[in-house]
Each structure stands twice: as C-alpha cells, then as structure tokens.
C-alpha cells in the first residue's frame, strides 16, 4: 500500500470530517472482524495493540478537529 505524504494531499471541499471519521471507524471494525475470522475469533496481542493504536489516533484527530472549531 502506497501512502502519500501529508503535504502532498490536496484540500477537498467535497468531504466532511465527521463523515470521514465514521467511515474510518467502520473500516477499522471490518478489518478487525476479518482478522478475527481468519484466527477463529481471536486476535494476537500484537494485532489487538495495532488496532487499538489506530483507533486511538482516530480519537486524537477528532479531538484536535473539535478543538479547532
């Protein structure tokens, strides 16, 4: 998966932060379910830690966005 640098991302007036936040949360939940399906309902400690880390970063981005409003 190729990621763009933050400075390379162009601004968009078509998207809303709240919509993007919930879409990212849904995708994260689907990813967790897919991992659980492959591991018979279990996550390794590392997988759980990485998913929680991504979730925490989403929360931090939302908190920063709300602070700037």
PDB file of N, CA and C in Angstrom:
ATOM      1  N   UNK A   1       0.847  -1.163   0.000  1.00  0.00           N
ATOM      2  CA  UNK A   1       0.000   0.000   0.000  1.00  0.00           C
ATOM      3  C   UNK A   1       0.903   1.238   0.000  1.00  0.00           C
ATOM      4  N   UNK A   2       0.635   2.137  -0.931  1.00  0.00           N
ATOM      5  CA  UNK A   2       1.452   3.348  -1.028  1.00  0.00           C
ATOM      6  C   UNK A   2       0.733   4.497  -0.334  1.00  0.00           C
ATOM      7  N   UNK A   3       1.449   5.200   0.522  1.00  0.00           N
ATOM      8  CA  UNK A   3       0.880   6.328   1.250  1.00  0.00           C
ATOM      9  C   UNK A   3       1.448   7.626   0.705  1.00  0.00           C
ATOM     10  N   UNK A   4       0.585   8.649   0.663  1.00  0.00           N
ATOM     11  CA  UNK A   4       1.036   9.981   0.275  1.00  0.00           C
ATOM     12  C   UNK A   4       1.532  10.712   1.516  1.00  0.00           C
ATOM     13  N   UNK A   5       2.503  11.564   1.302  1.00  0.00           N
ATOM     14  CA  UNK A   5       2.960  12.415   2.393  1.00  0.00           C
ATOM     15  C   UNK A   5       1.868  13.438   2.686  1.00  0.00           C
ATOM     16  N   UNK A   6       1.783  13.864   3.917  1.00  0.00           N
ATOM     17  CA  UNK A   6       0.739  14.794   4.348  1.00  0.00           C
ATOM     18  C   UNK A   6       0.708  16.051   3.488  1.00  0.00           C
ATOM     19  N   UNK A   7       1.872  16.560   3.126  1.00  0.00           N
ATOM     20  CA  UNK A   7       1.938  17.805   2.340  1.00  0.00           C
ATOM     21  C   UNK A   7       1.498  17.611   0.897  1.00  0.00           C
ATOM     22  N   UNK A   8       1.470  16.372   0.402  1.00  0.00           N
ATOM     23  CA  UNK A   8       1.079  16.098  -0.976  1.00  0.00           C
ATOM     24  C   UNK A   8      -0.440  15.999  -1.144  1.00  0.00           C
ATOM     25  N   UNK A   9      -1.191  15.941  -0.064  1.00  0.00           N
ATOM     26  CA  UNK A   9      -2.637  15.789  -0.136  1.00  0.00           C
ATOM     27  C   UNK A   9      -3.277  17.148  -0.394  1.00  0.00           C
ATOM     28  N   UNK A  10      -4.068  17.208  -1.450  1.00  0.00           N
ATOM     29  CA  UNK A  10      -4.747  18.444  -1.812  1.00  0.00           C
ATOM     30  C   UNK A  10      -6.013  18.608  -0.968  1.00  0.00           C
ATOM     31  N   UNK A  11      -6.400  19.833  -0.617  1.00  0.00           N
ATOM     32  CA  UNK A  11      -7.634  20.039   0.132  1.00  0.00           C
ATOM     33  C   UNK A  11      -8.861  19.684  -0.709  1.00  0.00           C
ATOM     34  N   UNK A  12      -9.921  19.277  -0.033  1.00  0.00           N
ATOM     35  CA  UNK A  12     -11.152  18.901  -0.722  1.00  0.00           C
ATOM     36  C   UNK A  12     -12.340  19.523  -0.007  1.00  0.00           C
ATOM     37  N   UNK A  13     -13.203  20.157  -0.772  1.00  0.00           N
ATOM     38  CA  UNK A  13     -14.416  20.740  -0.204  1.00  0.00           C
ATOM     39  C   UNK A  13     -15.594  19.770  -0.280  1.00  0.00           C
ATOM     40  N   UNK A  14     -15.378  18.580  -0.833  1.00  0.00           N
ATOM     41  CA  UNK A  14     -16.456  17.609  -1.015  1.00  0.00           C
ATOM     42  C   UNK A  14     -16.622  16.695   0.196  1.00  0.00           C
ATOM     43  N   UNK A  15     -15.662  16.695   1.099  1.00  0.00           N
ATOM     44  CA  UNK A  15     -15.716  15.766   2.221  1.00  0.00           C
ATOM     45  C   UNK A  15     -15.927  16.513   3.528  1.00  0.00           C
ATOM     46  N   UNK A  16     -16.488  15.802   4.468  1.00  0.00           N
ATOM     47  CA  UNK A  16     -16.745  16.338   5.792  1.00  0.00           C
ATOM     48  C   UNK A  16     -15.974  15.476   6.793  1.00  0.00           C
ATOM     49  N   UNK A  17     -15.347  16.080   7.773  1.00  0.00           N
ATOM     50  CA  UNK A  17     -14.530  15.332   8.717  1.00  0.00           C
ATOM     51  C   UNK A  17     -15.349  14.292   9.467  1.00  0.00           C
ATOM     52  N   UNK A  18     -16.555  14.641   9.870  1.00  0.00           N
ATOM     53  CA  UNK A  18     -17.385  13.717  10.641  1.00  0.00           C
ATOM     54  C   UNK A  18     -17.698  12.478   9.814  1.00  0.00           C
ATOM     55  N   UNK A  19     -18.035  12.670   8.544  1.00  0.00           N
ATOM     56  CA  UNK A  19     -18.314  11.540   7.653  1.00  0.00           C
ATOM     57  C   UNK A  19     -17.070  10.654   7.510  1.00  0.00           C
ATOM     58  N   UNK A  20     -15.918  11.279   7.331  1.00  0.00           N
ATOM     59  CA  UNK A  20     -14.681  10.523   7.177  1.00  0.00           C
ATOM     60  C   UNK A  20     -14.312   9.770   8.448  1.00  0.00           C
ATOM     61  N   UNK A  21     -14.551  10.377   9.603  1.00  0.00           N
ATOM     62  CA  UNK A  21     -14.249   9.724  10.876  1.00  0.00           C
ATOM     63  C   UNK A  21     -15.056   8.435  11.022  1.00  0.00           C
ATOM     64  N   UNK A  22     -16.364   8.524  10.775  1.00  0.00           N
ATOM     65  CA  UNK A  22     -17.204   7.339  10.923  1.00  0.00           C
ATOM     66  C   UNK A  22     -16.888   6.289   9.861  1.00  0.00           C
ATOM     67  N   UNK A  23     -16.525   6.705   8.660  1.00  0.00           N
ATOM     68  CA  UNK A  23     -16.127   5.755   7.617  1.00  0.00           C
ATOM     69  C   UNK A  23     -14.844   5.024   8.016  1.00  0.00           C
ATOM     70  N   UNK A  24     -13.904   5.753   8.603  1.00  0.00           N
ATOM     71  CA  UNK A  24     -12.664   5.126   9.057  1.00  0.00           C
ATOM     72  C   UNK A  24     -12.936   4.149  10.202  1.00  0.00           C
ATOM     73  N   UNK A  25     -13.845   4.507  11.104  1.00  0.00           N
ATOM     74  CA  UNK A  25     -14.197   3.604  12.206  1.00  0.00           C
ATOM     75  C   UNK A  25     -14.859   2.335  11.687  1.00  0.00           C
ATOM     76  N   UNK A  26     -15.735   2.480  10.692  1.00  0.00           N
ATOM     77  CA  UNK A  26     -16.374   1.296  10.097  1.00  0.00           C
ATOM     78  C   UNK A  26     -15.337   0.395   9.438  1.00  0.00           C
ATOM     79  N   UNK A  27     -14.402   0.993   8.708  1.00  0.00           N
ATOM     80  CA  UNK A  27     -13.360   0.208   8.046  1.00  0.00           C
ATOM     81  C   UNK A  27     -12.480  -0.502   9.066  1.00  0.00           C
ATOM     82  N   UNK A  28     -12.167   0.172  10.144  1.00  0.00           N
ATOM     83  CA  UNK A  28     -11.361  -0.437  11.200  1.00  0.00           C
ATOM     84  C   UNK A  28     -12.105  -1.609  11.832  1.00  0.00           C
ATOM     85  N   UNK A  29     -13.405  -1.461  12.040  1.00  0.00           N
ATOM     86  CA  UNK A  29     -14.218  -2.535  12.600  1.00  0.00           C
ATOM     87  C   UNK A  29     -14.288  -3.729  11.643  1.00  0.00           C
ATOM     88  N   UNK A  30     -14.447  -3.456  10.351  1.00  0.00           N
ATOM     89  CA  UNK A  30     -14.468  -4.529   9.357  1.00  0.00           C
ATOM     90  C   UNK A  30     -13.128  -5.252   9.297  1.00  0.00           C
ATOM     91  N   UNK A  31     -12.040  -4.508   9.408  1.00  0.00           N
ATOM     92  CA  UNK A  31     -10.712  -5.112   9.426  1.00  0.00           C
ATOM     93  C   UNK A  31     -10.548  -6.022  10.640  1.00  0.00           C
ATOM     94  N   UNK A  32     -10.994  -5.547  11.796  1.00  0.00           N
ATOM     95  CA  UNK A  32     -10.920  -6.369  12.996  1.00  0.00           C
ATOM     96  C   UNK A  32     -11.725  -7.660  12.829  1.00  0.00           C
ATOM     97  N   UNK A  33     -12.925  -7.555  12.277  1.00  0.00           N
ATOM     98  CA  UNK A  33     -13.747  -8.750  12.059  1.00  0.00           C
ATOM     99  C   UNK A  33     -13.096  -9.711  11.075  1.00  0.00           C
ATOM    100  N   UNK A  34     -12.475  -9.188  10.025  1.00  0.00           N
ATOM    101  CA  UNK A  34     -11.801 -10.049   9.049  1.00  0.00           C
ATOM    102  C   UNK A  34     -10.626 -10.781   9.689  1.00  0.00           C
ATOM    103  N   UNK A  35      -9.879 -10.085  10.539  1.00  0.00           N
ATOM    104  CA  UNK A  35      -8.748 -10.723  11.225  1.00  0.00           C
ATOM    105  C   UNK A  35      -9.257 -11.793  12.184  1.00  0.00           C
ATOM    106  N   UNK A  36     -10.330 -11.481  12.901  1.00  0.00           N
ATOM    107  CA  UNK A  36     -10.902 -12.465  13.823  1.00  0.00           C
ATOM    108  C   UNK A  36     -11.389 -13.715  13.082  1.00  0.00           C
ATOM    109  N   UNK A  37     -11.994 -13.527  11.897  1.00  0.00           N
ATOM    110  CA  UNK A  37     -12.465 -14.677  11.119  1.00  0.00           C
ATOM    111  C   UNK A  37     -11.320 -15.594  10.721  1.00  0.00           C
ATOM    112  N   UNK A  38     -10.168 -15.019  10.389  1.00  0.00           N
ATOM    113  CA  UNK A  38      -9.029 -15.846   9.980  1.00  0.00           C
ATOM    114  C   UNK A  38      -8.358 -16.519  11.167  1.00  0.00           C
ATOM    115  N   UNK A  39      -8.535 -15.964  12.375  1.00  0.00           N
ATOM    116  CA  UNK A  39      -7.889 -16.512  13.573  1.00  0.00           C
ATOM    117  C   UNK A  39      -8.875 -17.204  14.507  1.00  0.00           C
ATOM    118  N   UNK A  40      -9.985 -17.699  13.984  1.00  0.00           N
ATOM    119  CA  UNK A  40     -11.001 -18.395  14.788  1.00  0.00           C
ATOM    120  C   UNK A  40     -11.520 -17.546  15.945  1.00  0.00           C
ATOM    121  N   UNK A  41     -11.752 -16.265  15.702  1.00  0.00           N
ATOM    122  CA  UNK A  41     -12.339 -15.387  16.710  1.00  0.00           C
ATOM    123  C   UNK A  41     -11.364 -14.741  17.662  1.00  0.00           C
ATOM    124  N   UNK A  42     -10.082 -14.954  17.470  1.00  0.00           N
ATOM    125  CA  UNK A  42      -9.085 -14.395  18.389  1.00  0.00           C
ATOM    126  C   UNK A  42      -8.166 -13.414  17.669  1.00  0.00           C
ATOM    127  N   UNK A  43      -7.636 -12.496  18.439  1.00  0.00           N
ATOM    128  CA  UNK A  43      -6.595 -11.588  17.952  1.00  0.00           C
ATOM    129  C   UNK A  43      -5.330 -11.867  18.735  1.00  0.00           C
ATOM    130  N   UNK A  44      -4.197 -11.776  18.062  1.00  0.00           N
ATOM    131  CA  UNK A  44      -2.945 -11.855  18.809  1.00  0.00           C
ATOM    132  C   UNK A  44      -2.775 -10.547  19.578  1.00  0.00           C
ATOM    133  N   UNK A  45      -1.900 -10.544  20.536  1.00  0.00           N
ATOM    134  CA  UNK A  45      -1.648  -9.317  21.311  1.00  0.00           C
ATOM    135  C   UNK A  45      -1.171  -8.194  20.399  1.00  0.00           C
ATOM    136  N   UNK A  46      -0.324  -8.534  19.468  1.00  0.00           N
ATOM    137  CA  UNK A  46       0.212  -7.527  18.539  1.00  0.00           C
ATOM    138  C   UNK A  46      -0.892  -6.944  17.651  1.00  0.00           C
ATOM    139  N   UNK A  47      -1.768  -7.806  17.140  1.00  0.00           N
ATOM    140  CA  UNK A  47      -2.864  -7.335  16.298  1.00  0.00           C
ATOM    141  C   UNK A  47      -3.807  -6.430  17.085  1.00  0.00           C
ATOM    142  N   UNK A  48      -4.150  -6.831  18.295  1.00  0.00           N
ATOM    143  CA  UNK A  48      -5.039  -6.017  19.134  1.00  0.00           C
ATOM    144  C   UNK A  48      -4.373  -4.677  19.448  1.00  0.00           C
ATOM    145  N   UNK A  49      -3.088  -4.698  19.744  1.00  0.00           N
ATOM    146  CA  UNK A  49      -2.360  -3.472  20.054  1.00  0.00           C
ATOM    147  C   UNK A  49      -2.352  -2.524  18.855  1.00  0.00           C
ATOM    148  N   UNK A  50      -2.108  -3.063  17.652  1.00  0.00           N
ATOM    149  CA  UNK A  50      -2.075  -2.228  16.454  1.00  0.00           C
ATOM    150  C   UNK A  50      -3.455  -1.637  16.144  1.00  0.00           C
ATOM    151  N   UNK A  51      -4.501  -2.431  16.296  1.00  0.00           N
ATOM    152  CA  UNK A  51      -5.851  -1.912  16.060  1.00  0.00           C
ATOM    153  C   UNK A  51      -6.215  -0.829  17.073  1.00  0.00           C
ATOM    154  N   UNK A  52      -5.858  -1.033  18.340  1.00  0.00           N
ATOM    155  CA  UNK A  52      -6.125  -0.008  19.354  1.00  0.00           C
ATOM    156  C   UNK A  52      -5.328   1.255  19.076  1.00  0.00           C
ATOM    157  N   UNK A  53      -4.116   1.099  18.568  1.00  0.00           N
ATOM    158  CA  UNK A  53      -3.281   2.252  18.246  1.00  0.00           C
ATOM    159  C   UNK A  53      -3.904   3.082  17.126  1.00  0.00           C
ATOM    160  N   UNK A  54      -4.411   2.430  16.088  1.00  0.00           N
ATOM    161  CA  UNK A  54      -5.078   3.143  15.003  1.00  0.00           C
ATOM    162  C   UNK A  54      -6.326   3.834  15.526  1.00  0.00           C
ATOM    163  N   UNK A  55      -7.091   3.125  16.359  1.00  0.00           N
ATOM    164  CA  UNK A  55      -8.307   3.711  16.929  1.00  0.00           C
ATOM    165  C   UNK A  55      -7.965   4.932  17.784  1.00  0.00           C
ATOM    166  N   UNK A  56      -6.915   4.846  18.565  1.00  0.00           N
ATOM    167  CA  UNK A  56      -6.501   5.976  19.407  1.00  0.00           C
ATOM    168  C   UNK A  56      -6.112   7.181  18.558  1.00  0.00           C
ATOM    169  N   UNK A  57      -5.436   6.935  17.427  1.00  0.00           N
ATOM    170  CA  UNK A  57      -5.048   8.038  16.549  1.00  0.00           C
ATOM    171  C   UNK A  57      -6.278   8.688  15.919  1.00  0.00           C
ATOM    172  N   UNK A  58      -7.301   7.885  15.600  1.00  0.00           N
ATOM    173  CA  UNK A  58      -8.550   8.463  15.102  1.00  0.00           C
ATOM    174  C   UNK A  58      -9.185   9.355  16.162  1.00  0.00           C
ATOM    175  N   UNK A  59      -9.195   8.895  17.410  1.00  0.00           N
ATOM    176  CA  UNK A  59      -9.743   9.702  18.501  1.00  0.00           C
ATOM    177  C   UNK A  59      -8.957  10.994  18.664  1.00  0.00           C
ATOM    178  N   UNK A  60      -7.633  10.920  18.565  1.00  0.00           N
ATOM    179  CA  UNK A  60      -6.806  12.112  18.715  1.00  0.00           C
ATOM    180  C   UNK A  60      -7.066  13.104  17.580  1.00  0.00           C
ATOM    181  N   UNK A  61      -7.238  12.612  16.359  1.00  0.00           N
ATOM    182  CA  UNK A  61      -7.532  13.502  15.237  1.00  0.00           C
ATOM    183  C   UNK A  61      -8.883  14.173  15.432  1.00  0.00           C
ATOM    184  N   UNK A  62      -9.875  13.426  15.908  1.00  0.00           N
ATOM    185  CA  UNK A  62     -11.202  14.009  16.144  1.00  0.00           C
ATOM    186  C   UNK A  62     -11.140  15.054  17.246  1.00  0.00           C
ATOM    187  N   UNK A  63     -10.386  14.778  18.306  1.00  0.00           N
ATOM    188  CA  UNK A  63     -10.264  15.742  19.405  1.00  0.00           C
ATOM    189  C   UNK A  63      -9.586  17.019  18.923  1.00  0.00           C
ATOM    190  N   UNK A  64      -8.562  16.879  18.092  1.00  0.00           N
ATOM    191  CA  UNK A  64      -7.869  18.049  17.558  1.00  0.00           C
ATOM    192  C   UNK A  64      -8.790  18.841  16.644  1.00  0.00           C
ATOM    193  N   UNK A  65      -9.571  18.157  15.823  1.00  0.00           N
ATOM    194  CA  UNK A  65     -10.507  18.826  14.929  1.00  0.00           C
ATOM    195  C   UNK A  65     -11.569  19.584  15.721  1.00  0.00           C
ATOM    196  N   UNK A  66     -12.097  18.965  16.781  1.00  0.00           N
ATOM    197  CA  UNK A  66     -13.104  19.635  17.596  1.00  0.00           C
ATOM    198  C   UNK A  66     -12.531  20.848  18.332  1.00  0.00           C
ATOM    199  N   UNK A  67     -11.278  20.761  18.719  1.00  0.00           N
ATOM    200  CA  UNK A  67     -10.625  21.870  19.416  1.00  0.00           C
ATOM    201  C   UNK A  67     -10.498  23.081  18.507  1.00  0.00           C
ATOM    202  N   UNK A  68     -10.296  22.856  17.223  1.00  0.00           N
ATOM    203  CA  UNK A  68     -10.084  23.955  16.269  1.00  0.00           C
ATOM    204  C   UNK A  68     -11.374  24.598  15.803  1.00  0.00           C
ATOM    205  N   UNK A  69     -12.496  23.985  16.066  1.00  0.00           N
ATOM    206  CA  UNK A  69     -13.782  24.562  15.621  1.00  0.00           C
ATOM    207  C   UNK A  69     -14.122  25.775  16.454  1.00  0.00           C
TER     208      UNK A  69
END
